[in-house]
Amino acid sequence: MPLRCVGPSGQSIQSFDLPEAEWLALRLENRRSRQLRMPCCDTSVVMKTSTRGLNFFSHKSRGPCQSAPETEAHLALKTLAAQAARRSGWTCETEVSGSSPSGETWAADVLACKGQAKIAIEIQWSGQTNEESRYRQERYRQSGVRCLWLFRRRGFPVSEDFPAACIGGDIATGFEAHLDKQTMPLDEFLDAILARRLRYGIPVGAKAVVRIQSGVIDCWKCRGVTRIVTFIEVFVGPHRFQLCVSDLTDFPDLWASCQDRIPKGSSIGVIKPRYSKTQERSYLSNGCNDCDALIGEHFEHRAWYDEAATLAEFQITISEIWREAIDPDEHGWAVFEF
């Protein structure tokens, strides 16, 4: 059920580009002249409309053509992907064939181009082994084409060289993209891909929010009640990282930028490097607001829920040093703001 055919002058015709009146006129003309051809095998075309109103092209007589039939959902997803590419300023066609330098052929459901950049979008609605997925991805890579996969089922490879999402929903209710920690409407997801906001791990340059949390604790030395910084939260994309004050020992500039955001009169003790006899080292630590005694990092959790309050919240851009401080493991694919 292709969305593309070839006209009498060799031009590509996409079914979703034609208003209904033009579709009906072309359908009538094609019945008379049989001027339209299939791009996969050059056979004659029959123009059809699905039960849900999706226009598509079909082989008049399949003959030896090996192209597989597609579901109505597959057609709808190809249409959405192609329209998203054009909306983002890419030129785009469906059912585009090509080959790798070694001569291995491929056929992309959707191929978007902008300058020298090429992106294939593959809708994998039927079952496919991980080995076959990786093989097809490598074939695209060798051809200079980046490829995004939209799978119906989970269990596909997740790695930096294999961008993919699981697609839920249907034509009636609308499609949505499921990533590891994000779910969003498919249109929104496709727009993010084409704007290069889909990234693996935690990308430098992404917008983030820092939130400095506090609580109160009894000082072990003077027995006074003092407020301390319990942790610094960093929210970036769908991820949340939590840092203790001591985690910023080796990042004094980052702590200084946080400290500058804490309002005056917050009644927290001085935060500075102090020597701990227990740990036999110096580290950035909370101190008592009355006697300046070190509040050990192992006891800070006692203040997490006692008169908890947010001292400050502000936006940052993830830099190399912020990325090093939050020390992220690989966190899969996600959409970020830049």
C-alpha atoms as a PDB file:
ATOM      1  CA  MET A   1       0.000   0.000   0.000  1.00  0.00           C
ATOM      2  CA  PRO A   2       2.461   2.693  -1.116  1.00  0.00           C
ATOM      3  CA  LEU A   3       1.799   6.401  -0.723  1.00  0.00           C
ATOM      4  CA  ARG A   4       3.928   7.229  -3.761  1.00  0.00           C
ATOM      5  CA  CYS A   5       3.721   6.513  -7.456  1.00  0.00           C
ATOM      6  CA  VAL A   6       5.560   7.796 -10.540  1.00  0.00           C
ATOM      7  CA  GLY A   7       3.808  10.068 -13.037  1.00  0.00           C
ATOM      8  CA  PRO A   8       4.152  10.028 -16.833  1.00  0.00           C
ATOM      9  CA  SER A   9       7.054  12.481 -16.739  1.00  0.00           C
ATOM     10  CA  GLY A  10       8.912  10.493 -14.088  1.00  0.00           C
ATOM     11  CA  GLN A  11       7.819  12.808 -11.269  1.00  0.00           C
ATOM     12  CA  SER A  12       6.960  11.463  -7.824  1.00  0.00           C
ATOM     13  CA  ILE A  13       3.321  11.803  -6.751  1.00  0.00           C
ATOM     14  CA  GLN A  14       2.485  11.490  -3.052  1.00  0.00           C
ATOM     15  CA  SER A  15      -1.123  10.587  -2.299  1.00  0.00           C
ATOM     16  CA  PHE A  16      -1.313  12.850   0.757  1.00  0.00           C
ATOM     17  CA  ASP A  17      -0.287  15.879  -1.338  1.00  0.00           C
ATOM     18  CA  LEU A  18      -3.432  15.735  -3.464  1.00  0.00           C
ATOM     19  CA  PRO A  19      -6.634  17.489  -2.386  1.00  0.00           C
ATOM     20  CA  GLU A  20      -9.678  15.259  -2.793  1.00  0.00           C
ATOM     21  CA  ALA A  21     -10.777  16.872  -6.053  1.00  0.00           C
ATOM     22  CA  GLU A  22      -7.296  16.376  -7.594  1.00  0.00           C
ATOM     23  CA  TRP A  23      -7.170  12.799  -6.322  1.00  0.00           C
ATOM     24  CA  LEU A  24     -10.507  11.968  -7.961  1.00  0.00           C
ATOM     25  CA  ALA A  25      -9.514  13.659 -11.233  1.00  0.00           C
ATOM     26  CA  LEU A  26      -6.184  11.784 -11.346  1.00  0.00           C
ATOM     27  CA  ARG A  27      -7.944   8.541 -10.518  1.00  0.00           C
ATOM     28  CA  LEU A  28     -10.306   9.009 -13.454  1.00  0.00           C
ATOM     29  CA  GLU A  29      -7.469   9.914 -15.826  1.00  0.00           C
ATOM     30  CA  ASN A  30      -5.393   6.919 -14.707  1.00  0.00           C
ATOM     31  CA  ARG A  31      -8.293   4.555 -15.418  1.00  0.00           C
ATOM     32  CA  ARG A  32      -8.304   5.792 -19.004  1.00  0.00           C
ATOM     33  CA  SER A  33      -4.575   6.073 -19.694  1.00  0.00           C
ATOM     34  CA  ARG A  34      -2.836   3.825 -17.138  1.00  0.00           C
ATOM     35  CA  GLN A  35      -0.148   6.514 -16.995  1.00  0.00           C
ATOM     36  CA  LEU A  36       0.906   5.995 -13.372  1.00  0.00           C
ATOM     37  CA  ARG A  37       3.584   3.447 -12.416  1.00  0.00           C
ATOM     38  CA  MET A  38       4.712   1.854  -9.177  1.00  0.00           C
ATOM     39  CA  PRO A  39       8.203   3.032  -8.054  1.00  0.00           C
ATOM     40  CA  CYS A  40       9.150  -0.441  -6.820  1.00  0.00           C
ATOM     41  CA  CYS A  41       8.583  -2.393 -10.038  1.00  0.00           C
ATOM     42  CA  ASP A  42       7.236  -0.062 -12.762  1.00  0.00           C
ATOM     43  CA  THR A  43       3.889  -1.866 -13.013  1.00  0.00           C
ATOM     44  CA  SER A  44       0.564  -0.098 -13.536  1.00  0.00           C
ATOM     45  CA  VAL A  45      -1.142   1.598 -10.601  1.00  0.00           C
ATOM     46  CA  VAL A  46      -4.607   1.353  -9.124  1.00  0.00           C
ATOM     47  CA  MET A  47      -5.613   4.286  -6.918  1.00  0.00           C
ATOM     48  CA  LYS A  48      -7.518   3.297  -3.767  1.00  0.00           C
ATOM     49  CA  THR A  49      -8.944   4.757  -0.571  1.00  0.00           C
ATOM     50  CA  SER A  50      -8.967   2.884   2.748  1.00  0.00           C
ATOM     51  CA  THR A  51     -12.002   2.503   4.997  1.00  0.00           C
ATOM     52  CA  ARG A  52     -10.685   5.432   7.089  1.00  0.00           C
ATOM     53  CA  GLY A  53     -10.255   7.698   4.096  1.00  0.00           C
ATOM     54  CA  LEU A  54      -6.488   7.278   3.489  1.00  0.00           C
ATOM     55  CA  ASN A  55      -5.594   7.499  -0.186  1.00  0.00           C
ATOM     56  CA  PHE A  56      -2.897   5.146  -1.485  1.00  0.00           C
ATOM     57  CA  PHE A  57      -1.593   3.420  -4.589  1.00  0.00           C
ATOM     58  CA  SER A  58      -1.663  -0.292  -5.324  1.00  0.00           C
ATOM     59  CA  HIS A  59      -0.300  -2.661  -7.963  1.00  0.00           C
ATOM     60  CA  LYS A  60      -2.801  -3.346 -10.740  1.00  0.00           C
ATOM     61  CA  SER A  61      -1.111  -6.700 -11.101  1.00  0.00           C
ATOM     62  CA  ARG A  62       1.605  -7.582  -8.575  1.00  0.00           C
ATOM     63  CA  GLY A  63       3.475 -10.075 -10.736  1.00  0.00           C
ATOM     64  CA  PRO A  64       7.026 -10.735  -9.456  1.00  0.00           C
ATOM     65  CA  CYS A  65       7.180  -7.650  -7.194  1.00  0.00           C
ATOM     66  CA  GLN A  66       8.377  -8.592  -3.691  1.00  0.00           C
ATOM     67  CA  SER A  67       7.205  -5.461  -1.845  1.00  0.00           C
ATOM     68  CA  ALA A  68       5.197  -6.441   1.238  1.00  0.00           C
ATOM     69  CA  PRO A  69       1.632  -5.272   1.886  1.00  0.00           C
ATOM     70  CA  GLU A  70       1.210  -2.643   4.613  1.00  0.00           C
ATOM     71  CA  THR A  71      -1.442  -2.014   7.225  1.00  0.00           C
ATOM     72  CA  GLU A  72      -3.572   1.110   7.366  1.00  0.00           C
ATOM     73  CA  ALA A  73      -1.682   2.149  10.518  1.00  0.00           C
ATOM     74  CA  HIS A  74       1.599   1.835   8.615  1.00  0.00           C
ATOM     75  CA  LEU A  75       0.228   4.126   5.909  1.00  0.00           C
ATOM     76  CA  ALA A  76      -0.929   6.685   8.464  1.00  0.00           C
ATOM     77  CA  LEU A  77       2.447   6.685  10.232  1.00  0.00           C
ATOM     78  CA  LYS A  78       4.343   7.187   6.982  1.00  0.00           C
ATOM     79  CA  THR A  79       2.067  10.115   6.178  1.00  0.00           C
ATOM     80  CA  LEU A  80       2.616  11.708   9.598  1.00  0.00           C
ATOM     81  CA  ALA A  81       6.396  11.263   9.335  1.00  0.00           C
ATOM     82  CA  ALA A  82       6.579  12.773   5.843  1.00  0.00           C
ATOM     83  CA  GLN A  83       4.377  15.718   6.809  1.00  0.00           C
ATOM     84  CA  ALA A  84       6.488  16.364   9.913  1.00  0.00           C
ATOM     85  CA  ALA A  85       9.663  16.408   7.801  1.00  0.00           C
ATOM     86  CA  ARG A  86       8.205  18.942   5.400  1.00  0.00           C
ATOM     87  CA  ARG A  87       6.879  21.015   8.281  1.00  0.00           C
ATOM     88  CA  SER A  88      10.465  21.238   9.565  1.00  0.00           C
ATOM     89  CA  GLY A  89      11.858  22.368   6.225  1.00  0.00           C
ATOM     90  CA  TRP A  90      13.091  19.017   4.892  1.00  0.00           C
ATOM     91  CA  THR A  91      12.331  17.691   1.425  1.00  0.00           C
ATOM     92  CA  CYS A  92      10.722  14.309   1.777  1.00  0.00           C
ATOM     93  CA  GLU A  93       9.384  11.307  -0.109  1.00  0.00           C
ATOM     94  CA  THR A  94       8.039   7.922   0.901  1.00  0.00           C
ATOM     95  CA  GLU A  95       9.123   4.490  -0.354  1.00  0.00           C
ATOM     96  CA  VAL A  96      12.576   5.618  -1.507  1.00  0.00           C
ATOM     97  CA  SER A  97      15.130   3.040  -2.614  1.00  0.00           C
ATOM     98  CA  GLY A  98      18.895   3.266  -2.393  1.00  0.00           C
ATOM     99  CA  SER A  99      22.000   1.164  -1.960  1.00  0.00           C
ATOM    100  CA  SER A 100      25.104   1.022   0.227  1.00  0.00           C
ATOM    101  CA  PRO A 101      28.637   1.402  -1.210  1.00  0.00           C
ATOM    102  CA  SER A 102      28.878  -2.397  -1.279  1.00  0.00           C
ATOM    103  CA  GLY A 103      25.742  -2.618  -3.417  1.00  0.00           C
ATOM    104  CA  GLU A 104      23.260  -3.763  -0.763  1.00  0.00           C
ATOM    105  CA  THR A 105      19.850  -2.250  -1.457  1.00  0.00           C
ATOM    106  CA  TRP A 106      17.444  -0.644   0.993  1.00  0.00           C
ATOM    107  CA  ALA A 107      13.987   0.919   0.758  1.00  0.00           C
ATOM    108  CA  ALA A 108      13.108   3.601   3.316  1.00  0.00           C
ATOM    109  CA  ASP A 109       9.512   4.115   4.403  1.00  0.00           C
ATOM    110  CA  VAL A 110      10.277   7.840   4.586  1.00  0.00           C
ATOM    111  CA  LEU A 111      13.440   9.616   3.451  1.00  0.00           C
ATOM    112  CA  ALA A 112      13.950  13.263   4.465  1.00  0.00           C
ATOM    113  CA  CYS A 113      16.775  15.384   3.028  1.00  0.00           C
ATOM    114  CA  LYS A 114      18.197  18.793   3.884  1.00  0.00           C
ATOM    115  CA  GLY A 115      21.451  19.759   2.208  1.00  0.00           C
ATOM    116  CA  GLN A 116      23.788  16.797   2.594  1.00  0.00           C
ATOM    117  CA  ALA A 117      21.874  15.374   5.566  1.00  0.00           C
ATOM    118  CA  LYS A 118      19.587  12.383   5.054  1.00  0.00           C
ATOM    119  CA  ILE A 119      17.250  10.809   7.586  1.00  0.00           C
ATOM    120  CA  ALA A 120      15.319   7.592   7.004  1.00  0.00           C
ATOM    121  CA  ILE A 121      12.289   6.836   9.164  1.00  0.00           C
ATOM    122  CA  GLU A 122      11.401   3.154   9.314  1.00  0.00           C
ATOM    123  CA  ILE A 123       8.033   1.998  10.659  1.00  0.00           C
ATOM    124  CA  GLN A 124       8.458  -1.600  11.813  1.00  0.00           C
ATOM    125  CA  TRP A 125       4.923  -2.827  12.437  1.00  0.00           C
ATOM    126  CA  SER A 126       5.701  -6.518  11.999  1.00  0.00           C
ATOM    127  CA  GLY A 127       8.129  -8.618  14.020  1.00  0.00           C
ATOM    128  CA  GLN A 128      11.853  -8.272  13.361  1.00  0.00           C
ATOM    129  CA  THR A 129      14.821  -9.787  15.166  1.00  0.00           C
ATOM    130  CA  ASN A 130      17.374  -7.502  16.815  1.00  0.00           C
ATOM    131  CA  GLU A 131      20.016  -8.947  14.517  1.00  0.00           C
ATOM    132  CA  GLU A 132      18.012  -7.911  11.452  1.00  0.00           C
ATOM    133  CA  SER A 133      17.371  -4.457  12.947  1.00  0.00           C
ATOM    134  CA  ARG A 134      21.088  -3.881  13.536  1.00  0.00           C
ATOM    135  CA  TYR A 135      21.962  -5.195  10.086  1.00  0.00           C
ATOM    136  CA  ARG A 136      19.525  -2.811   8.403  1.00  0.00           C
ATOM    137  CA  GLN A 137      20.753   0.080  10.556  1.00  0.00           C
ATOM    138  CA  GLU A 138      24.354  -0.599   9.584  1.00  0.00           C
ATOM    139  CA  ARG A 139      23.353  -0.673   5.916  1.00  0.00           C
ATOM    140  CA  TYR A 140      21.872   2.812   6.289  1.00  0.00           C
ATOM    141  CA  ARG A 141      24.981   4.031   8.137  1.00  0.00           C
ATOM    142  CA  GLN A 142      27.240   2.822   5.346  1.00  0.00           C
ATOM    143  CA  SER A 143      25.004   4.692   2.899  1.00  0.00           C
ATOM    144  CA  GLY A 144      25.405   7.989   4.781  1.00  0.00           C
ATOM    145  CA  VAL A 145      21.812   7.923   6.040  1.00  0.00           C
ATOM    146  CA  ARG A 146      20.771   8.344   9.660  1.00  0.00           C
ATOM    147  CA  CYS A 147      17.814   6.140  10.517  1.00  0.00           C
ATOM    148  CA  LEU A 148      15.122   6.381  13.187  1.00  0.00           C
ATOM    149  CA  TRP A 149      13.018   3.322  13.974  1.00  0.00           C
ATOM    150  CA  LEU A 150       9.385   3.388  15.071  1.00  0.00           C
ATOM    151  CA  PHE A 151       8.474  -0.015  16.504  1.00  0.00           C
ATOM    152  CA  ARG A 152       5.072  -1.396  17.394  1.00  0.00           C
ATOM    153  CA  ARG A 153       6.552  -3.722  20.010  1.00  0.00           C
ATOM    154  CA  ARG A 154       9.134  -3.195  22.724  1.00  0.00           C
ATOM    155  CA  GLY A 155      12.284  -5.294  23.026  1.00  0.00           C
ATOM    156  CA  PHE A 156      14.239  -3.528  20.278  1.00  0.00           C
ATOM    157  CA  PRO A 157      17.923  -2.557  20.715  1.00  0.00           C
ATOM    158  CA  VAL A 158      18.667   0.549  22.786  1.00  0.00           C
ATOM    159  CA  SER A 159      22.046   2.109  22.058  1.00  0.00           C
ATOM    160  CA  GLU A 160      23.614   5.337  20.878  1.00  0.00           C
ATOM    161  CA  ASP A 161      23.812   4.117  17.285  1.00  0.00           C
ATOM    162  CA  PHE A 162      20.206   2.892  17.193  1.00  0.00           C
ATOM    163  CA  PRO A 163      17.638   5.680  17.793  1.00  0.00           C
ATOM    164  CA  ALA A 164      14.205   4.140  18.251  1.00  0.00           C
ATOM    165  CA  ALA A 165      10.857   4.543  19.967  1.00  0.00           C
ATOM    166  CA  CYS A 166       7.843   2.352  20.627  1.00  0.00           C
ATOM    167  CA  ILE A 167       4.621   3.638  19.060  1.00  0.00           C
ATOM    168  CA  GLY A 168       1.332   3.319  20.899  1.00  0.00           C
ATOM    169  CA  GLY A 169      -2.220   4.359  20.095  1.00  0.00           C
ATOM    170  CA  ASP A 170      -4.016   4.034  16.786  1.00  0.00           C
ATOM    171  CA  ILE A 171      -5.527   6.025  13.933  1.00  0.00           C
ATOM    172  CA  ALA A 172      -8.741   6.718  15.842  1.00  0.00           C
ATOM    173  CA  THR A 173      -7.214   7.896  19.139  1.00  0.00           C
ATOM    174  CA  GLY A 174      -3.932   9.255  17.789  1.00  0.00           C
ATOM    175  CA  PHE A 175      -0.398   7.863  17.964  1.00  0.00           C
ATOM    176  CA  GLU A 176       2.141   8.509  20.710  1.00  0.00           C
ATOM    177  CA  ALA A 177       5.844   7.808  21.084  1.00  0.00           C
ATOM    178  CA  HIS A 178       7.165   5.940  24.122  1.00  0.00           C
ATOM    179  CA  LEU A 179      10.796   6.395  25.159  1.00  0.00           C
ATOM    180  CA  ASP A 180      12.399   5.062  28.327  1.00  0.00           C
ATOM    181  CA  LYS A 181      11.150   7.928  30.527  1.00  0.00           C
ATOM    182  CA  GLN A 182       8.990   9.986  28.171  1.00  0.00           C
ATOM    183  CA  THR A 183       5.679   9.660  26.392  1.00  0.00           C
ATOM    184  CA  MET A 184       4.468  12.312  23.967  1.00  0.00           C
ATOM    185  CA  PRO A 185       2.208  12.742  20.930  1.00  0.00           C
ATOM    186  CA  LEU A 186       3.856  11.375  17.811  1.00  0.00           C
ATOM    187  CA  ASP A 187       3.726  14.733  15.990  1.00  0.00           C
ATOM    188  CA  GLU A 188       5.599  16.373  18.863  1.00  0.00           C
ATOM    189  CA  PHE A 189       8.164  13.568  18.868  1.00  0.00           C
ATOM    190  CA  LEU A 190       8.747  13.766  15.110  1.00  0.00           C
ATOM    191  CA  ASP A 191       9.183  17.542  15.287  1.00  0.00           C
ATOM    192  CA  ALA A 192      11.793  17.057  18.044  1.00  0.00           C
ATOM    193  CA  ILE A 193      13.699  14.512  15.940  1.00  0.00           C
ATOM    194  CA  LEU A 194      13.887  16.761  12.918  1.00  0.00           C
ATOM    195  CA  ALA A 195      14.983  19.670  15.113  1.00  0.00           C
ATOM    196  CA  ARG A 196      17.762  17.431  16.513  1.00  0.00           C
ATOM    197  CA  ARG A 197      16.355  17.516  20.048  1.00  0.00           C
ATOM    198  CA  LEU A 198      16.315  13.715  20.363  1.00  0.00           C
ATOM    199  CA  ARG A 199      19.631  12.868  22.034  1.00  0.00           C
ATOM    200  CA  TYR A 200      21.284   9.915  23.708  1.00  0.00           C
ATOM    201  CA  GLY A 201      22.498  10.381  27.286  1.00  0.00           C
ATOM    202  CA  ILE A 202      22.705  13.893  28.763  1.00  0.00           C
ATOM    203  CA  PRO A 203      23.718  16.376  26.049  1.00  0.00           C
ATOM    204  CA  VAL A 204      25.802  19.470  26.637  1.00  0.00           C
ATOM    205  CA  GLY A 205      23.758  22.550  25.750  1.00  0.00           C
ATOM    206  CA  ALA A 206      20.424  21.203  26.998  1.00  0.00           C
ATOM    207  CA  LYS A 207      18.285  23.450  29.169  1.00  0.00           C
ATOM    208  CA  ALA A 208      17.900  22.319  32.772  1.00  0.00           C
ATOM    209  CA  VAL A 209      16.442  23.471  36.084  1.00  0.00           C
ATOM    210  CA  VAL A 210      18.388  23.472  39.365  1.00  0.00           C
ATOM    211  CA  ARG A 211      16.477  23.344  42.628  1.00  0.00           C
ATOM    212  CA  ILE A 212      18.217  23.816  46.000  1.00  0.00           C
ATOM    213  CA  GLN A 213      16.394  22.059  48.839  1.00  0.00           C
ATOM    214  CA  SER A 214      16.836  22.530  52.571  1.00  0.00           C
ATOM    215  CA  GLY A 215      15.722  21.207  55.945  1.00  0.00           C
ATOM    216  CA  VAL A 216      16.477  21.649  59.632  1.00  0.00           C
ATOM    217  CA  ILE A 217      18.642  19.521  61.913  1.00  0.00           C
ATOM    218  CA  ASP A 218      19.870  19.559  65.509  1.00  0.00           C
ATOM    219  CA  CYS A 219      23.538  20.485  65.761  1.00  0.00           C
ATOM    220  CA  TRP A 220      25.506  17.690  67.431  1.00  0.00           C
ATOM    221  CA  LYS A 221      27.837  20.193  69.107  1.00  0.00           C
ATOM    222  CA  CYS A 222      25.805  23.165  70.395  1.00  0.00           C
ATOM    223  CA  ARG A 223      22.395  21.405  70.303  1.00  0.00           C
ATOM    224  CA  GLY A 224      20.923  24.337  68.421  1.00  0.00           C
ATOM    225  CA  VAL A 225      18.550  23.906  65.483  1.00  0.00           C
ATOM    226  CA  THR A 226      20.084  24.890  62.164  1.00  0.00           C
ATOM    227  CA  ARG A 227      18.925  24.870  58.566  1.00  0.00           C
ATOM    228  CA  ILE A 228      21.132  23.101  56.029  1.00  0.00           C
ATOM    229  CA  VAL A 229      21.137  22.441  52.290  1.00  0.00           C
ATOM    230  CA  THR A 230      19.933  18.861  51.962  1.00  0.00           C
ATOM    231  CA  PHE A 231      20.501  18.375  48.258  1.00  0.00           C
ATOM    232  CA  ILE A 232      20.714  20.066  44.871  1.00  0.00           C
ATOM    233  CA  GLU A 233      18.358  18.665  42.230  1.00  0.00           C
ATOM    234  CA  VAL A 234      19.061  18.964  38.519  1.00  0.00           C
ATOM    235  CA  PHE A 235      16.145  18.376  36.116  1.00  0.00           C
ATOM    236  CA  VAL A 236      17.104  17.914  32.473  1.00  0.00           C
ATOM    237  CA  GLY A 237      14.789  16.383  29.888  1.00  0.00           C
ATOM    238  CA  PRO A 238      12.947  13.562  31.666  1.00  0.00           C
ATOM    239  CA  HIS A 239      15.804  13.006  34.123  1.00  0.00           C
ATOM    240  CA  ARG A 240      16.277  14.067  37.729  1.00  0.00           C
ATOM    241  CA  PHE A 241      19.689  14.027  39.398  1.00  0.00           C
ATOM    242  CA  GLN A 242      20.214  14.600  43.101  1.00  0.00           C
ATOM    243  CA  LEU A 243      23.502  15.927  44.472  1.00  0.00           C
ATOM    244  CA  CYS A 244      24.581  16.368  48.078  1.00  0.00           C
ATOM    245  CA  VAL A 245      26.637  19.408  49.026  1.00  0.00           C
ATOM    246  CA  SER A 246      29.715  17.200  49.307  1.00  0.00           C
ATOM    247  CA  ASP A 247      29.232  16.032  45.687  1.00  0.00           C
ATOM    248  CA  LEU A 248      30.299  19.542  44.617  1.00  0.00           C
ATOM    249  CA  THR A 249      33.590  19.459  46.542  1.00  0.00           C
ATOM    250  CA  ASP A 250      35.562  19.241  43.308  1.00  0.00           C
ATOM    251  CA  PHE A 251      33.313  21.780  41.564  1.00  0.00           C
ATOM    252  CA  PRO A 252      33.677  25.018  43.559  1.00  0.00           C
ATOM    253  CA  ASP A 253      32.515  27.187  40.656  1.00  0.00           C
ATOM    254  CA  LEU A 254      29.273  25.235  40.405  1.00  0.00           C
ATOM    255  CA  TRP A 255      28.632  25.598  44.117  1.00  0.00           C
ATOM    256  CA  ALA A 256      29.410  29.311  43.919  1.00  0.00           C
ATOM    257  CA  SER A 257      26.791  29.693  41.171  1.00  0.00           C
ATOM    258  CA  CYS A 258      24.270  27.864  43.361  1.00  0.00           C
ATOM    259  CA  GLN A 259      25.169  29.817  46.489  1.00  0.00           C
ATOM    260  CA  ASP A 260      24.662  33.102  44.645  1.00  0.00           C
ATOM    261  CA  ARG A 261      21.019  32.089  44.050  1.00  0.00           C
ATOM    262  CA  ILE A 262      20.198  31.449  47.713  1.00  0.00           C
ATOM    263  CA  PRO A 263      18.310  34.465  49.107  1.00  0.00           C
ATOM    264  CA  LYS A 264      19.954  36.431  51.883  1.00  0.00           C
ATOM    265  CA  GLY A 265      18.492  35.708  55.296  1.00  0.00           C
ATOM    266  CA  SER A 266      17.838  32.029  54.575  1.00  0.00           C
ATOM    267  CA  SER A 267      19.385  31.141  57.974  1.00  0.00           C
ATOM    268  CA  ILE A 268      21.599  28.389  56.661  1.00  0.00           C
ATOM    269  CA  GLY A 269      25.067  27.832  58.021  1.00  0.00           C
ATOM    270  CA  VAL A 270      28.168  28.599  56.033  1.00  0.00           C
ATOM    271  CA  ILE A 271      28.908  25.970  53.371  1.00  0.00           C
ATOM    272  CA  LYS A 272      32.650  25.551  52.920  1.00  0.00           C
ATOM    273  CA  PRO A 273      35.345  22.866  52.922  1.00  0.00           C
ATOM    274  CA  ARG A 274      35.854  21.386  56.410  1.00  0.00           C
ATOM    275  CA  TYR A 275      38.042  18.574  57.677  1.00  0.00           C
ATOM    276  CA  SER A 276      36.262  15.456  58.903  1.00  0.00           C
ATOM    277  CA  LYS A 277      38.159  13.345  61.421  1.00  0.00           C
ATOM    278  CA  THR A 278      35.755  10.480  60.731  1.00  0.00           C
ATOM    279  CA  GLN A 279      36.478  10.454  57.009  1.00  0.00           C
ATOM    280  CA  GLU A 280      40.029  11.788  57.341  1.00  0.00           C
ATOM    281  CA  ARG A 281      39.519  14.236  54.509  1.00  0.00           C
ATOM    282  CA  SER A 282      38.227  17.709  53.744  1.00  0.00           C
ATOM    283  CA  TYR A 283      35.056  18.148  51.762  1.00  0.00           C
ATOM    284  CA  LEU A 284      32.427  20.803  51.028  1.00  0.00           C
ATOM    285  CA  SER A 285      29.998  20.607  53.918  1.00  0.00           C
ATOM    286  CA  ASN A 286      27.116  22.204  55.745  1.00  0.00           C
ATOM    287  CA  GLY A 287      27.896  23.938  58.997  1.00  0.00           C
ATOM    288  CA  CYS A 288      25.851  24.918  62.028  1.00  0.00           C
ATOM    289  CA  ASN A 289      24.440  28.426  61.683  1.00  0.00           C
ATOM    290  CA  ASP A 290      25.301  29.096  65.351  1.00  0.00           C
ATOM    291  CA  CYS A 291      28.639  27.404  66.061  1.00  0.00           C
ATOM    292  CA  ASP A 292      29.886  26.511  62.549  1.00  0.00           C
ATOM    293  CA  ALA A 293      30.388  22.843  63.496  1.00  0.00           C
ATOM    294  CA  LEU A 294      30.616  20.461  60.548  1.00  0.00           C
ATOM    295  CA  ILE A 295      27.309  18.718  59.797  1.00  0.00           C
ATOM    296  CA  GLY A 296      28.523  15.385  58.473  1.00  0.00           C
ATOM    297  CA  GLU A 297      27.168  14.222  55.127  1.00  0.00           C
ATOM    298  CA  HIS A 298      25.994  10.952  56.677  1.00  0.00           C
ATOM    299  CA  PHE A 299      23.597  12.866  58.937  1.00  0.00           C
ATOM    300  CA  GLU A 300      22.143  15.267  56.359  1.00  0.00           C
ATOM    301  CA  HIS A 301      19.356  12.835  55.467  1.00  0.00           C
ATOM    302  CA  ARG A 302      17.824  13.477  58.898  1.00  0.00           C
ATOM    303  CA  ALA A 303      16.827  16.935  57.615  1.00  0.00           C
ATOM    304  CA  TRP A 304      15.296  15.803  54.328  1.00  0.00           C
ATOM    305  CA  TYR A 305      11.713  15.943  55.552  1.00  0.00           C
ATOM    306  CA  ASP A 306      11.916  18.184  58.612  1.00  0.00           C
ATOM    307  CA  GLU A 307      10.602  21.645  57.688  1.00  0.00           C
ATOM    308  CA  ALA A 308      11.735  21.020  54.124  1.00  0.00           C
ATOM    309  CA  ALA A 309      11.828  24.100  51.916  1.00  0.00           C
ATOM    310  CA  THR A 310      13.089  25.094  48.472  1.00  0.00           C
ATOM    311  CA  LEU A 311      15.743  27.789  48.849  1.00  0.00           C
ATOM    312  CA  ALA A 312      16.129  28.559  45.153  1.00  0.00           C
ATOM    313  CA  GLU A 313      15.145  27.396  41.690  1.00  0.00           C
ATOM    314  CA  PHE A 314      16.811  28.594  38.497  1.00  0.00           C
ATOM    315  CA  GLN A 315      17.578  27.611  34.925  1.00  0.00           C
ATOM    316  CA  ILE A 316      20.962  26.543  33.603  1.00  0.00           C
ATOM    317  CA  THR A 317      22.435  25.160  30.413  1.00  0.00           C
ATOM    318  CA  ILE A 318      24.171  21.821  30.841  1.00  0.00           C
ATOM    319  CA  SER A 319      27.899  22.434  30.421  1.00  0.00           C
ATOM    320  CA  GLU A 320      30.729  19.934  30.384  1.00  0.00           C
ATOM    321  CA  ILE A 321      31.383  20.669  34.055  1.00  0.00           C
ATOM    322  CA  TRP A 322      27.720  20.260  35.041  1.00  0.00           C
ATOM    323  CA  ARG A 323      27.642  17.005  33.116  1.00  0.00           C
ATOM    324  CA  GLU A 324      30.723  15.817  34.973  1.00  0.00           C
ATOM    325  CA  ALA A 325      29.184  16.802  38.309  1.00  0.00           C
ATOM    326  CA  ILE A 326      25.935  14.891  37.827  1.00  0.00           C
ATOM    327  CA  ASP A 327      28.025  11.979  36.514  1.00  0.00           C
ATOM    328  CA  PRO A 328      25.279  10.407  34.395  1.00  0.00           C
ATOM    329  CA  ASP A 329      25.387   6.825  33.295  1.00  0.00           C
ATOM    330  CA  GLU A 330      23.972   6.097  29.856  1.00  0.00           C
ATOM    331  CA  HIS A 331      20.321   7.157  30.057  1.00  0.00           C
ATOM    332  CA  GLY A 332      19.029   6.129  26.650  1.00  0.00           C
ATOM    333  CA  TRP A 333      17.203   8.332  24.171  1.00  0.00           C
ATOM    334  CA  ALA A 334      15.161  11.345  25.249  1.00  0.00           C
ATOM    335  CA  VAL A 335      13.878  14.669  23.933  1.00  0.00           C
ATOM    336  CA  PHE A 336      15.523  17.784  25.378  1.00  0.00           C
ATOM    337  CA  GLU A 337      15.010  21.528  25.157  1.00  0.00           C
ATOM    338  CA  PHE A 338      17.853  23.671  23.798  1.00  0.00           C
END
